[in-house]
C-alpha cells in the first residue's frame, strides 16, 4: 500500500496486542520500509516513488499535517517534517546511524546515499554496485556500513568523517553542520576460495595449492525484492541473506564407500556462473573412474561473518526451502537457560 501505519505495541501476559494509532499518508507509491530512529523521535519511510519522508509525532493542537489524507480514526498526529529526495527509482531499504543523526538508503538506481536527518541534506553517495541495491545495514558501533545487491555482492565500507571536518578539528573550529561521514570501500563479499580436488591440480607445481572460487550469494534468478542484511546489537556479527551453500556427496566404486563433504559455498544452483564448481565436481568424478559419482546440491541459507574477519563466513543458517531475503536479531538480551539433559559433563 501507499501508507505507513503507526501502531502501539502493548505487552500482555496473554500475548501481544496491536492497537491502531495513525495513518501516515504522503507517498505516491508502495511503501517498502519504515524505521524508527534510535531515540524513537523520528520515523523514516521509504517508497517505490523514490522518496524518503521523516515523520514526527506532534501535538494535535498544533494543527493537522497539511499532507495528511483525511481522518481515518487517528489517535495521534504524525507530521512529515523532512523529504529526502534524490533517488531516481525505488528505495528498498534504509538504516539509521547509531547516533541517530544520519540515515543510509539504497535503491534500484544502484546507489547508496547517506543523509543528514537533522538538515535533510544529501551527503556521500556510492555507485559501486552493478545492479539493484536491496539491503543496507549500519554497524551499531558506527564504524562500518554494508550494502547487499542483486549483483551477488555485499560491499563493506568504513564510515569516516570528511577531510573538511578533520581540518576544522585541527584548527579548533569544529562546527556541527560540517560533520559529514563518507564511505570508503574496504572489501567485497562475493567469492569463497576452497582447495581444488586432487584431479584438478594434476600437473601443478609441487607444493602449489590450487583453489577454486565459489559464489556466496544467489543470482538474480532468485526473484526477491529484498536482500536485507543486518548486524547483531553488539556489533560483533554481520548476517547476509540470499546465500547458497554447496554440498557434495562422493560415491566411490560400487557405492560401499560414501563420503559427504561440505565444500564451502557457491552461487545459485544451475546458474551459468557456477562453471568453476561444476568443473571441479566433474574433475573429481573423473578421477575415480566410470563408477565414481559426485552429486552436488545447493541449500538456501544466510551467512554469518565476524567483524574481525569479513572475508570468510564463520557459519551459515540453513533451513529455508526458498531464498532467505532478510535477517534480524532480537534486541532483547537473553540469559543462558540451564537444561540438565543438554548439559555437558566435565
C-alpha atoms as a PDB file:
ATOM      1  CA  UNK A   1       0.000   0.000   0.000  1.00  0.00           C
ATOM      2  CA  UNK A   2       0.917   3.681  -0.104  1.00  0.00           C
ATOM      3  CA  UNK A   3       0.575   4.302   3.619  1.00  0.00           C
ATOM      4  CA  UNK A   4       2.666   3.726   6.691  1.00  0.00           C
ATOM      5  CA  UNK A   5       0.836   2.786   9.848  1.00  0.00           C
ATOM      6  CA  UNK A   6       1.954   3.722  13.354  1.00  0.00           C
ATOM      7  CA  UNK A   7       0.869   1.194  15.934  1.00  0.00           C
ATOM      8  CA  UNK A   8       1.273   0.904  19.685  1.00  0.00           C
ATOM      9  CA  UNK A   9       2.772  -2.335  20.926  1.00  0.00           C
ATOM     10  CA  UNK A  10       1.310  -3.409  24.260  1.00  0.00           C
ATOM     11  CA  UNK A  11       2.759  -6.353  26.151  1.00  0.00           C
ATOM     12  CA  UNK A  12       0.317  -8.615  27.957  1.00  0.00           C
ATOM     13  CA  UNK A  13       0.575 -11.945  29.673  1.00  0.00           C
ATOM     14  CA  UNK A  14      -1.927 -13.450  27.271  1.00  0.00           C
ATOM     15  CA  UNK A  15       0.073 -12.273  24.265  1.00  0.00           C
ATOM     16  CA  UNK A  16       0.909  -9.170  22.260  1.00  0.00           C
ATOM     17  CA  UNK A  17      -1.765  -6.674  21.315  1.00  0.00           C
ATOM     18  CA  UNK A  18      -1.542  -4.176  18.461  1.00  0.00           C
ATOM     19  CA  UNK A  19      -3.549  -1.003  18.662  1.00  0.00           C
ATOM     20  CA  UNK A  20      -4.128   1.263  15.667  1.00  0.00           C
ATOM     21  CA  UNK A  21      -2.730   4.745  16.272  1.00  0.00           C
ATOM     22  CA  UNK A  22      -2.460   6.630  12.980  1.00  0.00           C
ATOM     23  CA  UNK A  23      -2.216   6.505   9.208  1.00  0.00           C
ATOM     24  CA  UNK A  24       0.747   8.263   7.595  1.00  0.00           C
ATOM     25  CA  UNK A  25      -0.112   9.267   4.037  1.00  0.00           C
ATOM     26  CA  UNK A  26       2.162  11.112   1.663  1.00  0.00           C
ATOM     27  CA  UNK A  27       3.898   8.577  -0.605  1.00  0.00           C
ATOM     28  CA  UNK A  28       2.584   8.175  -4.146  1.00  0.00           C
ATOM     29  CA  UNK A  29       3.622   4.507  -4.485  1.00  0.00           C
ATOM     30  CA  UNK A  30       4.086   1.416  -2.355  1.00  0.00           C
ATOM     31  CA  UNK A  31       5.921   1.847   0.973  1.00  0.00           C
ATOM     32  CA  UNK A  32       8.812  -0.622   1.179  1.00  0.00           C
ATOM     33  CA  UNK A  33      10.359   0.145   4.539  1.00  0.00           C
ATOM     34  CA  UNK A  34       9.840   2.084   7.779  1.00  0.00           C
ATOM     35  CA  UNK A  35      12.450   2.556  10.510  1.00  0.00           C
ATOM     36  CA  UNK A  36      12.379   4.412  13.828  1.00  0.00           C
ATOM     37  CA  UNK A  37      15.431   6.464  14.760  1.00  0.00           C
ATOM     38  CA  UNK A  38      17.445   5.075  17.719  1.00  0.00           C
ATOM     39  CA  UNK A  39      15.848   7.566  20.109  1.00  0.00           C
ATOM     40  CA  UNK A  40      12.342   6.888  18.729  1.00  0.00           C
ATOM     41  CA  UNK A  41      11.874  10.572  17.926  1.00  0.00           C
ATOM     42  CA  UNK A  42      11.629  10.230  14.128  1.00  0.00           C
ATOM     43  CA  UNK A  43      10.149   7.623  11.807  1.00  0.00           C
ATOM     44  CA  UNK A  44      11.595   7.231   8.305  1.00  0.00           C
ATOM     45  CA  UNK A  45       9.557   5.729   5.470  1.00  0.00           C
ATOM     46  CA  UNK A  46      10.856   4.725   2.022  1.00  0.00           C
ATOM     47  CA  UNK A  47       8.829   4.043  -1.077  1.00  0.00           C
ATOM     48  CA  UNK A  48       8.757   2.970  -4.709  1.00  0.00           C
ATOM     49  CA  UNK A  49       8.238   6.645  -5.547  1.00  0.00           C
ATOM     50  CA  UNK A  50      11.945   7.199  -4.740  1.00  0.00           C
ATOM     51  CA  UNK A  51      11.156   9.423  -1.760  1.00  0.00           C
ATOM     52  CA  UNK A  52      12.080   9.104   1.900  1.00  0.00           C
ATOM     53  CA  UNK A  53       9.975  11.011   4.431  1.00  0.00           C
ATOM     54  CA  UNK A  54      10.838  11.690   8.056  1.00  0.00           C
ATOM     55  CA  UNK A  55       7.825  11.736  10.354  1.00  0.00           C
ATOM     56  CA  UNK A  56       7.457  13.203  13.825  1.00  0.00           C
ATOM     57  CA  UNK A  57       4.720  12.736  16.396  1.00  0.00           C
ATOM     58  CA  UNK A  58       3.197  16.162  17.048  1.00  0.00           C
ATOM     59  CA  UNK A  59       0.640  17.651  19.382  1.00  0.00           C
ATOM     60  CA  UNK A  60      -2.769  17.728  17.714  1.00  0.00           C
ATOM     61  CA  UNK A  61      -3.372  21.273  18.976  1.00  0.00           C
ATOM     62  CA  UNK A  62      -0.581  22.475  16.688  1.00  0.00           C
ATOM     63  CA  UNK A  63      -2.788  21.683  13.723  1.00  0.00           C
ATOM     64  CA  UNK A  64      -3.107  18.780  11.305  1.00  0.00           C
ATOM     65  CA  UNK A  65      -0.470  17.706   8.836  1.00  0.00           C
ATOM     66  CA  UNK A  66      -1.178  19.579   5.576  1.00  0.00           C
ATOM     67  CA  UNK A  67      -0.113  16.465   3.677  1.00  0.00           C
ATOM     68  CA  UNK A  68      -2.455  14.111   5.546  1.00  0.00           C
ATOM     69  CA  UNK A  69      -5.201  12.392   3.543  1.00  0.00           C
ATOM     70  CA  UNK A  70      -8.120  12.922   5.896  1.00  0.00           C
ATOM     71  CA  UNK A  71      -9.331  11.468   9.179  1.00  0.00           C
ATOM     72  CA  UNK A  72      -9.070   7.674   9.377  1.00  0.00           C
ATOM     73  CA  UNK A  73      -9.840   7.486  13.086  1.00  0.00           C
ATOM     74  CA  UNK A  74      -6.295   8.500  14.014  1.00  0.00           C
ATOM     75  CA  UNK A  75      -5.480   8.714  17.713  1.00  0.00           C
ATOM     76  CA  UNK A  76      -2.208  10.539  17.043  1.00  0.00           C
ATOM     77  CA  UNK A  77      -0.936  13.163  14.629  1.00  0.00           C
ATOM     78  CA  UNK A  78       2.255  12.437  12.713  1.00  0.00           C
ATOM     79  CA  UNK A  79       3.741  15.226  10.629  1.00  0.00           C
ATOM     80  CA  UNK A  80       6.124  14.875   7.715  1.00  0.00           C
ATOM     81  CA  UNK A  81       8.996  17.117   8.787  1.00  0.00           C
ATOM     82  CA  UNK A  82      11.507  16.394   6.000  1.00  0.00           C
ATOM     83  CA  UNK A  83      11.558  14.950   2.500  1.00  0.00           C
ATOM     84  CA  UNK A  84      14.765  13.281   1.311  1.00  0.00           C
ATOM     85  CA  UNK A  85      14.614  13.391  -2.469  1.00  0.00           C
ATOM     86  CA  UNK A  86      17.370  12.245  -4.778  1.00  0.00           C
ATOM     87  CA  UNK A  87      16.915   8.564  -5.624  1.00  0.00           C
ATOM     88  CA  UNK A  88      15.673   8.142  -9.176  1.00  0.00           C
ATOM     89  CA  UNK A  89      13.991   4.787  -8.557  1.00  0.00           C
ATOM     90  CA  UNK A  90      12.513   2.586  -5.834  1.00  0.00           C
ATOM     91  CA  UNK A  91      14.061   2.841  -2.371  1.00  0.00           C
ATOM     92  CA  UNK A  92      14.312  -0.696  -0.972  1.00  0.00           C
ATOM     93  CA  UNK A  93      15.913  -0.266   2.450  1.00  0.00           C
ATOM     94  CA  UNK A  94      17.008   2.357   4.975  1.00  0.00           C
ATOM     95  CA  UNK A  95      19.182   2.238   8.111  1.00  0.00           C
ATOM     96  CA  UNK A  96      19.849   4.762  10.858  1.00  0.00           C
ATOM     97  CA  UNK A  97      23.306   5.510  12.192  1.00  0.00           C
ATOM     98  CA  UNK A  98      23.793   4.572  15.875  1.00  0.00           C
ATOM     99  CA  UNK A  99      23.848   8.258  16.843  1.00  0.00           C
ATOM    100  CA  UNK A 100      20.546   8.852  15.039  1.00  0.00           C
ATOM    101  CA  UNK A 101      21.771  11.827  13.075  1.00  0.00           C
ATOM    102  CA  UNK A 102      22.382  10.116   9.745  1.00  0.00           C
ATOM    103  CA  UNK A 103      20.323   7.829   7.548  1.00  0.00           C
ATOM    104  CA  UNK A 104      21.569   5.430   4.863  1.00  0.00           C
ATOM    105  CA  UNK A 105      19.350   4.419   1.950  1.00  0.00           C
ATOM    106  CA  UNK A 106      19.668   2.083  -1.028  1.00  0.00           C
ATOM    107  CA  UNK A 107      17.761   1.909  -4.268  1.00  0.00           C
ATOM    108  CA  UNK A 108      17.204   0.145  -7.556  1.00  0.00           C
ATOM    109  CA  UNK A 109      19.146   3.022  -9.127  1.00  0.00           C
ATOM    110  CA  UNK A 110      22.244   1.119  -7.849  1.00  0.00           C
ATOM    111  CA  UNK A 111      23.146   3.787  -5.309  1.00  0.00           C
ATOM    112  CA  UNK A 112      23.734   4.031  -1.577  1.00  0.00           C
ATOM    113  CA  UNK A 113      23.219   7.502  -0.106  1.00  0.00           C
ATOM    114  CA  UNK A 114      23.962   8.982   3.320  1.00  0.00           C
ATOM    115  CA  UNK A 115      21.590  11.688   4.548  1.00  0.00           C
ATOM    116  CA  UNK A 116      21.804  14.198   7.368  1.00  0.00           C
ATOM    117  CA  UNK A 117      18.486  13.668   9.136  1.00  0.00           C
ATOM    118  CA  UNK A 118      18.777  16.961  11.021  1.00  0.00           C
ATOM    119  CA  UNK A 119      19.072  19.150   7.955  1.00  0.00           C
ATOM    120  CA  UNK A 120      17.727  16.846   5.239  1.00  0.00           C
ATOM    121  CA  UNK A 121      20.885  17.432   3.206  1.00  0.00           C
ATOM    122  CA  UNK A 122      22.161  14.644   0.968  1.00  0.00           C
ATOM    123  CA  UNK A 123      25.667  13.594   1.886  1.00  0.00           C
ATOM    124  CA  UNK A 124      28.007  10.981   0.482  1.00  0.00           C
ATOM    125  CA  UNK A 125      26.783   8.789  -2.383  1.00  0.00           C
ATOM    126  CA  UNK A 126      28.238   5.497  -3.637  1.00  0.00           C
ATOM    127  CA  UNK A 127      27.548   3.900  -7.029  1.00  0.00           C
ATOM    128  CA  UNK A 128      29.713   0.792  -6.673  1.00  0.00           C
ATOM    129  CA  UNK A 129      27.024  -1.840  -7.241  1.00  0.00           C
ATOM    130  CA  UNK A 130      26.138  -3.015 -10.756  1.00  0.00           C
ATOM    131  CA  UNK A 131      22.513  -3.964 -10.035  1.00  0.00           C
ATOM    132  CA  UNK A 132      19.681  -3.225  -7.620  1.00  0.00           C
ATOM    133  CA  UNK A 133      20.870  -2.464  -4.088  1.00  0.00           C
ATOM    134  CA  UNK A 134      18.368  -4.326  -1.930  1.00  0.00           C
ATOM    135  CA  UNK A 135      19.662  -4.014   1.624  1.00  0.00           C
ATOM    136  CA  UNK A 136      21.769  -1.757   3.817  1.00  0.00           C
ATOM    137  CA  UNK A 137      22.931  -2.179   7.432  1.00  0.00           C
ATOM    138  CA  UNK A 138      24.778   0.230   9.719  1.00  0.00           C
ATOM    139  CA  UNK A 139      27.251  -1.213  12.214  1.00  0.00           C
ATOM    140  CA  UNK A 140      25.983  -0.495  15.789  1.00  0.00           C
ATOM    141  CA  UNK A 141      29.471   0.770  16.623  1.00  0.00           C
ATOM    142  CA  UNK A 142      29.245   3.297  13.795  1.00  0.00           C
ATOM    143  CA  UNK A 143      32.452   2.112  12.131  1.00  0.00           C
ATOM    144  CA  UNK A 144      31.131   0.167   9.129  1.00  0.00           C
ATOM    145  CA  UNK A 145      28.235   0.135   6.693  1.00  0.00           C
ATOM    146  CA  UNK A 146      27.295  -2.849   4.499  1.00  0.00           C
ATOM    147  CA  UNK A 147      25.136  -2.910   1.383  1.00  0.00           C
ATOM    148  CA  UNK A 148      23.830  -6.000  -0.421  1.00  0.00           C
ATOM    149  CA  UNK A 149      22.803  -6.157  -4.063  1.00  0.00           C
ATOM    150  CA  UNK A 150      21.348  -8.484  -6.671  1.00  0.00           C
ATOM    151  CA  UNK A 151      24.775  -8.267  -8.358  1.00  0.00           C
ATOM    152  CA  UNK A 152      25.618 -11.062  -5.864  1.00  0.00           C
ATOM    153  CA  UNK A 153      27.900  -8.957  -3.680  1.00  0.00           C
ATOM    154  CA  UNK A 154      27.989  -7.370  -0.251  1.00  0.00           C
ATOM    155  CA  UNK A 155      30.125  -4.249  -0.122  1.00  0.00           C
ATOM    156  CA  UNK A 156      31.743  -3.371   3.187  1.00  0.00           C
ATOM    157  CA  UNK A 157      32.515   0.299   3.810  1.00  0.00           C
ATOM    158  CA  UNK A 158      34.288   2.023   6.636  1.00  0.00           C
ATOM    159  CA  UNK A 159      32.476   5.139   7.815  1.00  0.00           C
ATOM    160  CA  UNK A 160      34.831   8.047   8.136  1.00  0.00           C
ATOM    161  CA  UNK A 161      34.396  11.730   8.707  1.00  0.00           C
ATOM    162  CA  UNK A 162      35.188  14.071   5.865  1.00  0.00           C
ATOM    163  CA  UNK A 163      38.571  15.704   5.479  1.00  0.00           C
ATOM    164  CA  UNK A 164      36.872  19.063   5.861  1.00  0.00           C
ATOM    165  CA  UNK A 165      35.744  18.142   9.357  1.00  0.00           C
ATOM    166  CA  UNK A 166      39.217  16.863  10.233  1.00  0.00           C
ATOM    167  CA  UNK A 167      40.715  20.110   9.014  1.00  0.00           C
ATOM    168  CA  UNK A 168      38.288  22.095  11.151  1.00  0.00           C
ATOM    169  CA  UNK A 169      39.270  19.984  14.157  1.00  0.00           C
ATOM    170  CA  UNK A 170      42.947  20.789  13.591  1.00  0.00           C
ATOM    171  CA  UNK A 171      42.115  24.473  13.545  1.00  0.00           C
ATOM    172  CA  UNK A 172      39.944  24.144  16.633  1.00  0.00           C
ATOM    173  CA  UNK A 173      36.793  25.405  14.915  1.00  0.00           C
ATOM    174  CA  UNK A 174      34.567  22.354  14.614  1.00  0.00           C
ATOM    175  CA  UNK A 175      31.005  23.174  13.666  1.00  0.00           C
ATOM    176  CA  UNK A 176      28.265  20.579  13.943  1.00  0.00           C
ATOM    177  CA  UNK A 177      26.953  21.281  10.456  1.00  0.00           C
ATOM    178  CA  UNK A 178      30.317  20.357   8.925  1.00  0.00           C
ATOM    179  CA  UNK A 179      30.383  16.838  10.308  1.00  0.00           C
ATOM    180  CA  UNK A 180      29.724  14.685   7.252  1.00  0.00           C
ATOM    181  CA  UNK A 181      30.523  10.981   7.106  1.00  0.00           C
ATOM    182  CA  UNK A 182      31.885   9.430   3.939  1.00  0.00           C
ATOM    183  CA  UNK A 183      32.067   5.804   2.853  1.00  0.00           C
ATOM    184  CA  UNK A 184      35.390   4.176   1.995  1.00  0.00           C
ATOM    185  CA  UNK A 185      35.195   0.742   0.368  1.00  0.00           C
ATOM    186  CA  UNK A 186      37.052  -1.839   2.466  1.00  0.00           C
ATOM    187  CA  UNK A 187      36.091  -5.091   0.804  1.00  0.00           C
ATOM    188  CA  UNK A 188      33.623  -7.028  -1.326  1.00  0.00           C
ATOM    189  CA  UNK A 189      31.990 -10.258  -0.175  1.00  0.00           C
ATOM    190  CA  UNK A 190      31.414 -12.263  -3.325  1.00  0.00           C
ATOM    191  CA  UNK A 191      33.535 -15.424  -3.508  1.00  0.00           C
ATOM    192  CA  UNK A 192      34.836 -18.079  -1.169  1.00  0.00           C
ATOM    193  CA  UNK A 193      38.031 -19.874  -2.062  1.00  0.00           C
ATOM    194  CA  UNK A 194      38.376 -23.612  -1.442  1.00  0.00           C
ATOM    195  CA  UNK A 195      41.047 -26.196  -2.326  1.00  0.00           C
ATOM    196  CA  UNK A 196      40.563 -27.841  -5.714  1.00  0.00           C
ATOM    197  CA  UNK A 197      40.120 -31.634  -5.930  1.00  0.00           C
ATOM    198  CA  UNK A 198      43.366 -33.529  -6.499  1.00  0.00           C
ATOM    199  CA  UNK A 199      42.425 -34.364 -10.077  1.00  0.00           C
ATOM    200  CA  UNK A 200      42.003 -30.689 -10.844  1.00  0.00           C
ATOM    201  CA  UNK A 201      45.522 -29.862  -9.679  1.00  0.00           C
ATOM    202  CA  UNK A 202      47.194 -32.719 -11.548  1.00  0.00           C
ATOM    203  CA  UNK A 203      50.327 -31.420 -13.212  1.00  0.00           C
ATOM    204  CA  UNK A 204      50.561 -28.378 -10.952  1.00  0.00           C
ATOM    205  CA  UNK A 205      53.883 -27.430  -9.471  1.00  0.00           C
ATOM    206  CA  UNK A 206      54.812 -29.361  -6.347  1.00  0.00           C
ATOM    207  CA  UNK A 207      53.671 -27.611  -3.195  1.00  0.00           C
ATOM    208  CA  UNK A 208      51.489 -25.175  -5.111  1.00  0.00           C
ATOM    209  CA  UNK A 209      47.947 -25.101  -3.734  1.00  0.00           C
ATOM    210  CA  UNK A 210      45.205 -24.634  -6.320  1.00  0.00           C
ATOM    211  CA  UNK A 211      41.893 -23.126  -5.278  1.00  0.00           C
ATOM    212  CA  UNK A 212      38.540 -22.520  -6.909  1.00  0.00           C
ATOM    213  CA  UNK A 213      36.261 -19.535  -6.292  1.00  0.00           C
ATOM    214  CA  UNK A 214      32.672 -20.245  -5.363  1.00  0.00           C
ATOM    215  CA  UNK A 215      29.888 -17.686  -5.305  1.00  0.00           C
ATOM    216  CA  UNK A 216      28.478 -16.832  -1.904  1.00  0.00           C
ATOM    217  CA  UNK A 217      25.118 -15.402  -2.952  1.00  0.00           C
ATOM    218  CA  UNK A 218      22.226 -16.266  -5.235  1.00  0.00           C
ATOM    219  CA  UNK A 219      21.978 -14.766  -8.693  1.00  0.00           C
ATOM    220  CA  UNK A 220      19.070 -12.575  -9.900  1.00  0.00           C
ATOM    221  CA  UNK A 221      17.091 -15.656 -10.922  1.00  0.00           C
ATOM    222  CA  UNK A 222      16.183 -15.828  -7.223  1.00  0.00           C
ATOM    223  CA  UNK A 223      13.299 -13.409  -7.576  1.00  0.00           C
ATOM    224  CA  UNK A 224      13.073 -11.283  -4.463  1.00  0.00           C
ATOM    225  CA  UNK A 225      12.651  -7.590  -3.798  1.00  0.00           C
ATOM    226  CA  UNK A 226      14.903  -7.521  -0.767  1.00  0.00           C
ATOM    227  CA  UNK A 227      18.274  -8.776   0.451  1.00  0.00           C
ATOM    228  CA  UNK A 228      18.201  -7.194   3.883  1.00  0.00           C
ATOM    229  CA  UNK A 229      21.396  -7.794   5.801  1.00  0.00           C
ATOM    230  CA  UNK A 230      21.850  -6.953   9.478  1.00  0.00           C
ATOM    231  CA  UNK A 231      24.289  -6.548  12.374  1.00  0.00           C
ATOM    232  CA  UNK A 232      23.976  -8.057  15.829  1.00  0.00           C
ATOM    233  CA  UNK A 233      23.136  -5.469  18.532  1.00  0.00           C
ATOM    234  CA  UNK A 234      26.677  -5.652  19.955  1.00  0.00           C
ATOM    235  CA  UNK A 235      28.255  -5.217  16.515  1.00  0.00           C
ATOM    236  CA  UNK A 236      30.202  -8.489  16.649  1.00  0.00           C
ATOM    237  CA  UNK A 237      28.362 -10.338  13.882  1.00  0.00           C
ATOM    238  CA  UNK A 238      27.099  -9.481  10.420  1.00  0.00           C
ATOM    239  CA  UNK A 239      24.452 -11.630   8.697  1.00  0.00           C
ATOM    240  CA  UNK A 240      23.926 -11.652   4.919  1.00  0.00           C
ATOM    241  CA  UNK A 241      20.835 -13.362   3.434  1.00  0.00           C
ATOM    242  CA  UNK A 242      20.335 -14.895  -0.042  1.00  0.00           C
ATOM    243  CA  UNK A 243      23.273 -17.235   0.498  1.00  0.00           C
ATOM    244  CA  UNK A 244      23.741 -20.516  -1.368  1.00  0.00           C
ATOM    245  CA  UNK A 245      25.606 -23.356   0.364  1.00  0.00           C
ATOM    246  CA  UNK A 246      27.153 -26.098  -1.771  1.00  0.00           C
ATOM    247  CA  UNK A 247      27.213 -29.697  -0.531  1.00  0.00           C
ATOM    248  CA  UNK A 248      28.741 -32.589  -2.460  1.00  0.00           C
ATOM    249  CA  UNK A 249      28.373 -36.321  -1.930  1.00  0.00           C
ATOM    250  CA  UNK A 250      31.101 -38.511  -3.449  1.00  0.00           C
ATOM    251  CA  UNK A 251      30.251 -42.151  -4.221  1.00  0.00           C
ATOM    252  CA  UNK A 252      33.319 -44.315  -4.963  1.00  0.00           C
ATOM    253  CA  UNK A 253      33.403 -47.739  -6.620  1.00  0.00           C
ATOM    254  CA  UNK A 254      30.336 -49.879  -6.025  1.00  0.00           C
ATOM    255  CA  UNK A 255      28.931 -47.419  -3.549  1.00  0.00           C
ATOM    256  CA  UNK A 256      30.244 -49.170  -0.442  1.00  0.00           C
ATOM    257  CA  UNK A 257      32.216 -46.079   0.492  1.00  0.00           C
ATOM    258  CA  UNK A 258      30.386 -42.791   0.544  1.00  0.00           C
ATOM    259  CA  UNK A 259      31.777 -39.529   1.788  1.00  0.00           C
ATOM    260  CA  UNK A 260      29.793 -36.356   2.268  1.00  0.00           C
ATOM    261  CA  UNK A 261      31.858 -33.241   2.073  1.00  0.00           C
ATOM    262  CA  UNK A 262      30.989 -29.676   2.959  1.00  0.00           C
ATOM    263  CA  UNK A 263      32.748 -27.859   0.157  1.00  0.00           C
ATOM    264  CA  UNK A 264      32.114 -24.322   1.314  1.00  0.00           C
ATOM    265  CA  UNK A 265      29.637 -22.188  -0.562  1.00  0.00           C
ATOM    266  CA  UNK A 266      28.511 -21.404  -4.069  1.00  0.00           C
ATOM    267  CA  UNK A 267      26.100 -19.305  -6.047  1.00  0.00           C
ATOM    268  CA  UNK A 268      22.582 -20.157  -7.122  1.00  0.00           C
ATOM    269  CA  UNK A 269      22.250 -23.704  -8.478  1.00  0.00           C
ATOM    270  CA  UNK A 270      22.119 -24.069 -12.230  1.00  0.00           C
ATOM    271  CA  UNK A 271      23.494 -20.616 -12.867  1.00  0.00           C
ATOM    272  CA  UNK A 272      25.849 -20.091 -15.767  1.00  0.00           C
ATOM    273  CA  UNK A 273      28.293 -18.505 -13.331  1.00  0.00           C
ATOM    274  CA  UNK A 274      28.861 -21.783 -11.487  1.00  0.00           C
ATOM    275  CA  UNK A 275      31.143 -23.318 -14.112  1.00  0.00           C
ATOM    276  CA  UNK A 276      34.013 -23.424 -11.603  1.00  0.00           C
ATOM    277  CA  UNK A 277      32.099 -25.568  -9.138  1.00  0.00           C
ATOM    278  CA  UNK A 278      30.703 -27.774 -11.917  1.00  0.00           C
ATOM    279  CA  UNK A 279      34.153 -28.308 -13.426  1.00  0.00           C
ATOM    280  CA  UNK A 280      35.601 -29.214 -10.058  1.00  0.00           C
ATOM    281  CA  UNK A 281      32.861 -31.783  -9.496  1.00  0.00           C
ATOM    282  CA  UNK A 282      33.415 -33.341 -12.932  1.00  0.00           C
ATOM    283  CA  UNK A 283      37.184 -33.491 -12.402  1.00  0.00           C
ATOM    284  CA  UNK A 284      36.757 -35.189  -9.051  1.00  0.00           C
ATOM    285  CA  UNK A 285      34.341 -37.730 -10.503  1.00  0.00           C
ATOM    286  CA  UNK A 286      36.655 -38.446 -13.427  1.00  0.00           C
ATOM    287  CA  UNK A 287      39.500 -39.203 -11.045  1.00  0.00           C
ATOM    288  CA  UNK A 288      37.574 -42.101  -9.565  1.00  0.00           C
ATOM    289  CA  UNK A 289      36.759 -43.824 -12.852  1.00  0.00           C
ATOM    290  CA  UNK A 290      33.463 -44.568 -14.521  1.00  0.00           C
ATOM    291  CA  UNK A 291      31.913 -45.908 -11.324  1.00  0.00           C
ATOM    292  CA  UNK A 292      32.594 -42.758  -9.325  1.00  0.00           C
ATOM    293  CA  UNK A 293      29.815 -40.213  -8.963  1.00  0.00           C
ATOM    294  CA  UNK A 294      29.719 -36.821  -7.247  1.00  0.00           C
ATOM    295  CA  UNK A 295      26.309 -35.313  -6.538  1.00  0.00           C
ATOM    296  CA  UNK A 296      26.103 -31.558  -5.994  1.00  0.00           C
ATOM    297  CA  UNK A 297      23.249 -29.874  -4.122  1.00  0.00           C
ATOM    298  CA  UNK A 298      22.548 -26.324  -3.034  1.00  0.00           C
ATOM    299  CA  UNK A 299      20.910 -25.091   0.160  1.00  0.00           C
ATOM    300  CA  UNK A 300      19.370 -21.678   0.732  1.00  0.00           C
ATOM    301  CA  UNK A 301      20.969 -20.043   3.748  1.00  0.00           C
ATOM    302  CA  UNK A 302      22.195 -16.874   5.446  1.00  0.00           C
ATOM    303  CA  UNK A 303      25.901 -16.397   6.135  1.00  0.00           C
ATOM    304  CA  UNK A 304      27.296 -15.077   9.413  1.00  0.00           C
ATOM    305  CA  UNK A 305      30.559 -13.100   9.477  1.00  0.00           C
ATOM    306  CA  UNK A 306      32.582 -11.825  12.418  1.00  0.00           C
ATOM    307  CA  UNK A 307      33.696  -8.212  12.231  1.00  0.00           C
ATOM    308  CA  UNK A 308      37.323  -9.238  12.834  1.00  0.00           C
ATOM    309  CA  UNK A 309      37.351 -11.158   9.511  1.00  0.00           C
ATOM    310  CA  UNK A 310      34.760 -10.082   6.992  1.00  0.00           C
ATOM    311  CA  UNK A 311      36.363 -12.121   4.203  1.00  0.00           C
ATOM    312  CA  UNK A 312      35.023 -15.528   5.177  1.00  0.00           C
ATOM    313  CA  UNK A 313      31.795 -16.604   6.954  1.00  0.00           C
ATOM    314  CA  UNK A 314      32.148 -18.346  10.291  1.00  0.00           C
ATOM    315  CA  UNK A 315      28.869 -20.252   9.943  1.00  0.00           C
ATOM    316  CA  UNK A 316      25.663 -20.412   7.954  1.00  0.00           C
ATOM    317  CA  UNK A 317      21.980 -20.689   8.891  1.00  0.00           C
ATOM    318  CA  UNK A 318      20.197 -23.156   6.569  1.00  0.00           C
ATOM    319  CA  UNK A 319      16.635 -24.446   6.760  1.00  0.00           C
ATOM    320  CA  UNK A 320      14.674 -22.409   4.228  1.00  0.00           C
ATOM    321  CA  UNK A 321      13.080 -24.087   1.205  1.00  0.00           C
ATOM    322  CA  UNK A 322      13.343 -20.832  -0.736  1.00  0.00           C
ATOM    323  CA  UNK A 323      15.691 -17.878  -0.702  1.00  0.00           C
ATOM    324  CA  UNK A 324      16.405 -16.140   2.611  1.00  0.00           C
ATOM    325  CA  UNK A 325      15.525 -12.483   1.985  1.00  0.00           C
ATOM    326  CA  UNK A 326      16.076 -10.857   5.396  1.00  0.00           C
ATOM    327  CA  UNK A 327      17.691 -11.403   8.780  1.00  0.00           C
ATOM    328  CA  UNK A 328      17.140  -9.618  12.093  1.00  0.00           C
ATOM    329  CA  UNK A 329      18.453 -10.018  15.637  1.00  0.00           C
ATOM    330  CA  UNK A 330      16.200  -9.675  18.659  1.00  0.00           C
ATOM    331  CA  UNK A 331      17.082  -6.519  20.630  1.00  0.00           C
ATOM    332  CA  UNK A 332      16.439  -8.430  23.852  1.00  0.00           C
ATOM    333  CA  UNK A 333      19.463  -9.956  25.548  1.00  0.00           C
ATOM    334  CA  UNK A 334      18.811 -13.434  26.876  1.00  0.00           C
ATOM    335  CA  UNK A 335      20.421 -15.321  29.727  1.00  0.00           C
ATOM    336  CA  UNK A 336      21.591 -18.891  29.351  1.00  0.00           C
ATOM    337  CA  UNK A 337      18.927 -21.344  30.473  1.00  0.00           C
ATOM    338  CA  UNK A 338      20.321 -24.450  32.127  1.00  0.00           C
ATOM    339  CA  UNK A 339      18.708 -27.652  30.848  1.00  0.00           C
ATOM    340  CA  UNK A 340      20.080 -30.743  32.657  1.00  0.00           C
ATOM    341  CA  UNK A 341      19.620 -33.218  29.789  1.00  0.00           C
ATOM    342  CA  UNK A 342      21.669 -30.991  27.469  1.00  0.00           C
ATOM    343  CA  UNK A 343      24.394 -30.200  29.980  1.00  0.00           C
ATOM    344  CA  UNK A 344      27.931 -31.228  29.013  1.00  0.00           C
ATOM    345  CA  UNK A 345      29.699 -33.221  31.724  1.00  0.00           C
ATOM    346  CA  UNK A 346      33.225 -32.150  32.599  1.00  0.00           C
END
